[in-house]
Amino acid sequence: MVEIALQWFFSIPLALFGALWMYRDAKSRRMETADMWAVGFFVAFFLLPFLGGILVFAFYLRKRNRGGGFAYSVPSE
């Protein structure tokens, strides 16, 4: 079995950096759930060591708005 072991002094700053980047990116794209993505990344990073953070990061990259703004258009009146 393969085990990925990261030291705490390395993993906490890495998780904080990833969560901060995800929060800023989501805010710049005007996503209302920016804080939830950042917290989800940080928590998953430690619940499923390292792999959880990668999974949440990959899922976020697929779900984020590519061009910024809102994901759905507002119908014109």
N, C-alpha and C. Protein backbone atom coordinates (compact mmCIF):
# COMPACT_ATOMS: atom_id res chain seq x y z
N MET A 1 0.84 -1.18 0.00
CA MET A 1 0.00 0.00 0.00
C MET A 1 0.89 1.24 0.00
N VAL A 2 0.51 2.21 -0.80
CA VAL A 2 1.27 3.45 -0.89
C VAL A 2 0.68 4.47 0.07
N GLU A 3 1.53 5.13 0.81
CA GLU A 3 1.07 6.13 1.76
C GLU A 3 1.78 7.45 1.48
N ILE A 4 1.00 8.52 1.42
CA ILE A 4 1.57 9.85 1.25
C ILE A 4 1.57 10.52 2.61
N ALA A 5 2.75 10.82 3.12
CA ALA A 5 2.86 11.44 4.44
C ALA A 5 3.47 12.83 4.29
N LEU A 6 2.74 13.83 4.75
CA LEU A 6 3.24 15.20 4.75
C LEU A 6 3.39 15.66 6.19
N GLN A 7 4.45 16.37 6.47
CA GLN A 7 4.65 16.91 7.80
C GLN A 7 3.67 18.06 8.03
N TRP A 8 3.27 18.25 9.29
CA TRP A 8 2.31 19.30 9.62
C TRP A 8 2.82 20.68 9.25
N PHE A 9 4.11 20.94 9.44
CA PHE A 9 4.63 22.26 9.13
C PHE A 9 4.61 22.54 7.63
N PHE A 10 4.47 21.51 6.82
CA PHE A 10 4.37 21.69 5.37
C PHE A 10 2.92 21.65 4.90
N SER A 11 2.12 20.79 5.51
CA SER A 11 0.75 20.60 5.02
C SER A 11 -0.20 21.74 5.40
N ILE A 12 -0.04 22.33 6.58
CA ILE A 12 -0.94 23.43 6.98
C ILE A 12 -0.75 24.66 6.07
N PRO A 13 0.48 25.12 5.83
CA PRO A 13 0.62 26.25 4.89
C PRO A 13 0.15 25.91 3.47
N LEU A 14 0.36 24.67 3.04
CA LEU A 14 -0.10 24.26 1.71
C LEU A 14 -1.62 24.29 1.63
N ALA A 15 -2.30 23.81 2.67
CA ALA A 15 -3.76 23.83 2.71
C ALA A 15 -4.28 25.27 2.78
N LEU A 16 -3.63 26.11 3.57
CA LEU A 16 -4.04 27.52 3.65
C LEU A 16 -3.83 28.24 2.33
N PHE A 17 -2.71 27.98 1.67
CA PHE A 17 -2.45 28.60 0.38
C PHE A 17 -3.50 28.18 -0.65
N GLY A 18 -3.82 26.88 -0.69
CA GLY A 18 -4.82 26.39 -1.63
C GLY A 18 -6.20 26.98 -1.35
N ALA A 19 -6.57 27.04 -0.08
CA ALA A 19 -7.88 27.60 0.28
C ALA A 19 -7.94 29.09 -0.03
N LEU A 20 -6.86 29.81 0.24
CA LEU A 20 -6.83 31.25 -0.06
C LEU A 20 -6.91 31.49 -1.56
N TRP A 21 -6.17 30.71 -2.35
CA TRP A 21 -6.22 30.88 -3.80
C TRP A 21 -7.63 30.58 -4.32
N MET A 22 -8.23 29.50 -3.81
CA MET A 22 -9.57 29.12 -4.27
C MET A 22 -10.58 30.20 -3.91
N TYR A 23 -10.48 30.77 -2.71
CA TYR A 23 -11.39 31.83 -2.28
C TYR A 23 -11.25 33.07 -3.16
N ARG A 24 -10.03 33.50 -3.40
CA ARG A 24 -9.81 34.70 -4.23
C ARG A 24 -10.27 34.48 -5.66
N ASP A 25 -10.00 33.30 -6.20
CA ASP A 25 -10.42 33.01 -7.57
C ASP A 25 -11.94 32.99 -7.68
N ALA A 26 -12.60 32.36 -6.72
CA ALA A 26 -14.07 32.31 -6.75
C ALA A 26 -14.67 33.70 -6.57
N LYS A 27 -14.08 34.52 -5.70
CA LYS A 27 -14.57 35.89 -5.50
C LYS A 27 -14.39 36.72 -6.77
N SER A 28 -13.26 36.55 -7.45
CA SER A 28 -13.03 37.32 -8.68
C SER A 28 -13.99 36.90 -9.79
N ARG A 29 -14.52 35.68 -9.70
CA ARG A 29 -15.50 35.21 -10.68
C ARG A 29 -16.93 35.43 -10.19
N ARG A 30 -17.07 36.17 -9.09
CA ARG A 30 -18.36 36.53 -8.50
C ARG A 30 -19.21 35.31 -8.15
N MET A 31 -18.58 34.29 -7.60
CA MET A 31 -19.32 33.11 -7.15
C MET A 31 -19.76 33.34 -5.71
N GLU A 32 -21.02 33.08 -5.43
CA GLU A 32 -21.56 33.31 -4.09
C GLU A 32 -21.04 32.31 -3.07
N THR A 33 -20.53 31.18 -3.52
CA THR A 33 -20.10 30.12 -2.61
C THR A 33 -18.58 30.08 -2.44
N ALA A 34 -17.92 31.20 -2.60
CA ALA A 34 -16.46 31.25 -2.52
C ALA A 34 -15.95 30.76 -1.16
N ASP A 35 -16.60 31.19 -0.09
CA ASP A 35 -16.15 30.78 1.24
C ASP A 35 -16.34 29.29 1.47
N MET A 36 -17.42 28.73 0.95
CA MET A 36 -17.66 27.29 1.12
C MET A 36 -16.63 26.46 0.36
N TRP A 37 -16.22 26.91 -0.81
CA TRP A 37 -15.20 26.20 -1.57
C TRP A 37 -13.88 26.20 -0.80
N ALA A 38 -13.51 27.34 -0.23
CA ALA A 38 -12.25 27.44 0.49
C ALA A 38 -12.25 26.55 1.74
N VAL A 39 -13.33 26.60 2.50
CA VAL A 39 -13.43 25.76 3.70
C VAL A 39 -13.46 24.29 3.31
N GLY A 40 -14.20 23.96 2.26
CA GLY A 40 -14.25 22.58 1.79
C GLY A 40 -12.89 22.06 1.38
N PHE A 41 -12.11 22.89 0.72
CA PHE A 41 -10.75 22.49 0.33
C PHE A 41 -9.89 22.23 1.56
N PHE A 42 -9.94 23.16 2.52
CA PHE A 42 -9.11 23.02 3.72
C PHE A 42 -9.48 21.78 4.52
N VAL A 43 -10.78 21.55 4.71
CA VAL A 43 -11.24 20.39 5.49
C VAL A 43 -10.91 19.09 4.76
N ALA A 44 -11.19 19.04 3.46
CA ALA A 44 -10.92 17.82 2.70
C ALA A 44 -9.43 17.51 2.64
N PHE A 45 -8.61 18.55 2.71
CA PHE A 45 -7.16 18.36 2.67
C PHE A 45 -6.70 17.52 3.86
N PHE A 46 -7.39 17.64 5.00
CA PHE A 46 -6.97 16.90 6.18
C PHE A 46 -7.82 15.66 6.46
N LEU A 47 -9.08 15.66 6.04
CA LEU A 47 -9.90 14.46 6.24
C LEU A 47 -9.45 13.32 5.33
N LEU A 48 -9.16 13.64 4.11
CA LEU A 48 -8.62 12.67 3.16
C LEU A 48 -7.23 13.17 2.81
N PRO A 49 -6.25 12.87 3.64
CA PRO A 49 -4.95 13.53 3.54
C PRO A 49 -4.45 13.73 2.11
N PHE A 50 -4.23 14.97 1.80
CA PHE A 50 -3.68 15.45 0.54
C PHE A 50 -4.55 15.12 -0.67
N LEU A 51 -4.97 13.88 -0.79
CA LEU A 51 -5.79 13.46 -1.92
C LEU A 51 -7.14 14.17 -1.91
N GLY A 52 -7.70 14.40 -0.72
CA GLY A 52 -8.97 15.11 -0.63
C GLY A 52 -8.87 16.53 -1.15
N GLY A 53 -7.77 17.19 -0.84
CA GLY A 53 -7.56 18.54 -1.35
C GLY A 53 -7.46 18.56 -2.86
N ILE A 54 -6.78 17.58 -3.42
CA ILE A 54 -6.65 17.50 -4.87
C ILE A 54 -8.00 17.24 -5.51
N LEU A 55 -8.81 16.37 -4.91
CA LEU A 55 -10.13 16.07 -5.46
C LEU A 55 -11.04 17.30 -5.44
N VAL A 56 -11.06 18.02 -4.32
CA VAL A 56 -11.88 19.23 -4.24
C VAL A 56 -11.37 20.28 -5.22
N PHE A 57 -10.06 20.41 -5.35
CA PHE A 57 -9.48 21.37 -6.28
C PHE A 57 -9.88 21.04 -7.72
N ALA A 58 -9.80 19.78 -8.10
CA ALA A 58 -10.18 19.37 -9.46
C ALA A 58 -11.67 19.60 -9.70
N PHE A 59 -12.50 19.28 -8.71
CA PHE A 59 -13.94 19.50 -8.85
C PHE A 59 -14.25 20.99 -8.98
N TYR A 60 -13.55 21.81 -8.21
CA TYR A 60 -13.74 23.27 -8.29
C TYR A 60 -13.38 23.79 -9.68
N LEU A 61 -12.26 23.33 -10.21
CA LEU A 61 -11.84 23.80 -11.53
C LEU A 61 -12.87 23.46 -12.60
N ARG A 62 -13.57 22.36 -12.44
CA ARG A 62 -14.61 22.00 -13.41
C ARG A 62 -15.87 22.83 -13.22
N LYS A 63 -16.19 23.25 -11.99
CA LYS A 63 -17.44 23.94 -11.70
C LYS A 63 -17.36 25.45 -11.80
N ARG A 64 -16.17 26.02 -11.73
CA ARG A 64 -16.07 27.48 -11.70
C ARG A 64 -16.49 28.08 -13.04
N ASN A 65 -16.87 29.33 -12.99
CA ASN A 65 -17.28 30.07 -14.18
C ASN A 65 -16.04 30.46 -14.96
N ARG A 66 -15.94 30.02 -16.18
CA ARG A 66 -14.73 30.27 -16.98
C ARG A 66 -14.52 31.75 -17.28
N GLY A 67 -15.55 32.46 -17.65
CA GLY A 67 -15.37 33.85 -18.06
C GLY A 67 -15.64 34.86 -16.97
N GLY A 68 -15.90 34.42 -15.78
CA GLY A 68 -16.27 35.33 -14.71
C GLY A 68 -17.74 35.65 -14.79
N GLY A 69 -18.24 36.38 -13.85
CA GLY A 69 -19.66 36.73 -13.85
C GLY A 69 -20.51 35.58 -13.36
N PHE A 70 -21.77 35.64 -13.68
CA PHE A 70 -22.71 34.64 -13.19
C PHE A 70 -22.75 33.44 -14.12
N ALA A 71 -23.03 32.27 -13.55
CA ALA A 71 -23.05 31.04 -14.34
C ALA A 71 -24.26 30.99 -15.25
N TYR A 72 -25.35 31.61 -14.85
CA TYR A 72 -26.59 31.55 -15.62
C TYR A 72 -26.96 32.95 -16.09
N SER A 73 -27.47 33.03 -17.30
CA SER A 73 -27.86 34.34 -17.81
C SER A 73 -29.23 34.73 -17.26
N VAL A 74 -29.45 36.01 -17.16
CA VAL A 74 -30.72 36.54 -16.68
C VAL A 74 -31.57 36.84 -17.90
N PRO A 75 -32.80 36.31 -17.95
CA PRO A 75 -33.63 36.56 -19.13
C PRO A 75 -33.97 38.05 -19.25
N SER A 76 -33.98 38.53 -20.48
CA SER A 76 -34.30 39.95 -20.70
C SER A 76 -35.79 40.17 -20.59
N GLU A 77 -36.16 41.37 -20.26
CA GLU A 77 -37.58 41.69 -20.08
C GLU A 77 -38.16 42.28 -21.34
